[in-house]
Amino acid sequence: MGMQQRTKKATNVTLDQAMLEDAKALGINISQAAEAGVRAAVREAWIEENRESMEAWNKWVEENGLPLEEFRMFGV
């Protein structure tokens, strides 16, 4: 399975100076750390935005079972 190539874009970010100095002293890659933080924030926001739909689906499955469950070829 191949990895999807993503295009990166340079961005200006304002960070606390002391934290930035500490991170650099510890050898932390600021770009990678910032990207990881933004990725986590996006994931959390998506989950929160879609929480109601996911809860409704889970409730439906609890009440009705999985769609096409009769055709499952494996046990749970």
Protein backbone atom coordinates (compact mmCIF):
# COMPACT_ATOMS: atom_id res chain seq x y z
CA MET A 1 0.00 0.00 0.00
CA GLY A 2 1.56 3.33 -1.06
CA MET A 3 1.76 6.43 1.09
CA GLN A 4 -0.15 9.46 -0.09
CA GLN A 5 2.21 12.35 -0.87
CA ARG A 6 1.01 15.60 0.73
CA THR A 7 2.05 19.07 -0.28
CA LYS A 8 3.35 21.25 2.52
CA LYS A 9 3.01 25.03 2.73
CA ALA A 10 5.24 27.38 4.67
CA THR A 11 3.32 29.16 7.42
CA ASN A 12 4.16 31.78 10.01
CA VAL A 13 3.37 30.77 13.58
CA THR A 14 3.74 32.88 16.71
CA LEU A 15 5.09 30.93 19.69
CA ASP A 16 6.13 31.79 23.22
CA GLN A 17 9.84 32.69 22.99
CA ALA A 18 10.96 30.77 26.09
CA MET A 19 9.10 27.65 24.96
CA LEU A 20 10.64 27.96 21.50
CA GLU A 21 14.13 28.26 22.98
CA ASP A 22 13.53 25.22 25.22
CA ALA A 23 12.26 23.19 22.29
CA LYS A 24 15.27 24.10 20.14
CA ALA A 25 17.65 23.28 23.02
CA LEU A 26 16.02 19.86 23.29
CA GLY A 27 16.36 19.25 19.55
CA ILE A 28 12.61 19.29 18.89
CA ASN A 29 11.66 19.84 15.27
CA ILE A 30 9.29 22.81 15.58
CA SER A 31 7.57 22.19 12.24
CA GLN A 32 6.87 18.54 13.05
CA ALA A 33 5.69 19.36 16.57
CA ALA A 34 3.40 22.13 15.29
CA GLU A 35 1.99 19.85 12.59
CA ALA A 36 1.31 17.11 15.14
CA GLY A 37 -0.46 19.61 17.40
CA VAL A 38 -2.62 20.98 14.59
CA ARG A 39 -3.42 17.43 13.41
CA ALA A 40 -4.58 16.51 16.95
CA ALA A 41 -6.69 19.69 17.18
CA VAL A 42 -8.34 18.96 13.81
CA ARG A 43 -9.08 15.37 14.88
CA GLU A 44 -10.63 16.53 18.16
CA ALA A 45 -12.70 19.21 16.41
CA TRP A 46 -13.95 16.68 13.82
CA ILE A 47 -14.95 14.23 16.54
CA GLU A 48 -16.79 16.95 18.45
CA GLU A 49 -18.50 18.21 15.29
CA ASN A 50 -19.67 14.71 14.41
CA ARG A 51 -20.35 13.40 17.94
CA GLU A 52 -24.13 13.66 17.61
CA SER A 53 -24.18 11.64 14.38
CA MET A 54 -21.86 8.97 15.81
CA GLU A 55 -23.98 8.66 18.96
CA ALA A 56 -27.16 8.38 16.85
CA TRP A 57 -25.57 5.64 14.72
CA ASN A 58 -24.39 3.75 17.81
CA LYS A 59 -27.90 3.95 19.29
CA TRP A 60 -29.41 2.68 16.03
CA VAL A 61 -26.99 -0.27 15.96
CA GLU A 62 -27.78 -1.09 19.61
CA GLU A 63 -31.51 -1.12 18.82
CA ASN A 64 -31.39 -2.78 15.39
CA GLY A 65 -28.10 -4.66 15.16
CA LEU A 66 -25.54 -4.31 12.42
CA PRO A 67 -26.82 -3.97 8.86
CA LEU A 68 -26.21 -7.16 6.87
CA GLU A 69 -25.18 -8.96 10.08
CA GLU A 70 -26.79 -12.14 8.79
CA PHE A 71 -24.14 -12.30 6.05
CA ARG A 72 -21.12 -12.06 8.39
CA MET A 73 -18.66 -14.89 7.81
CA PHE A 74 -16.92 -14.52 11.20
CA GLY A 75 -17.86 -14.42 14.86
CA VAL A 76 -17.46 -11.59 17.30
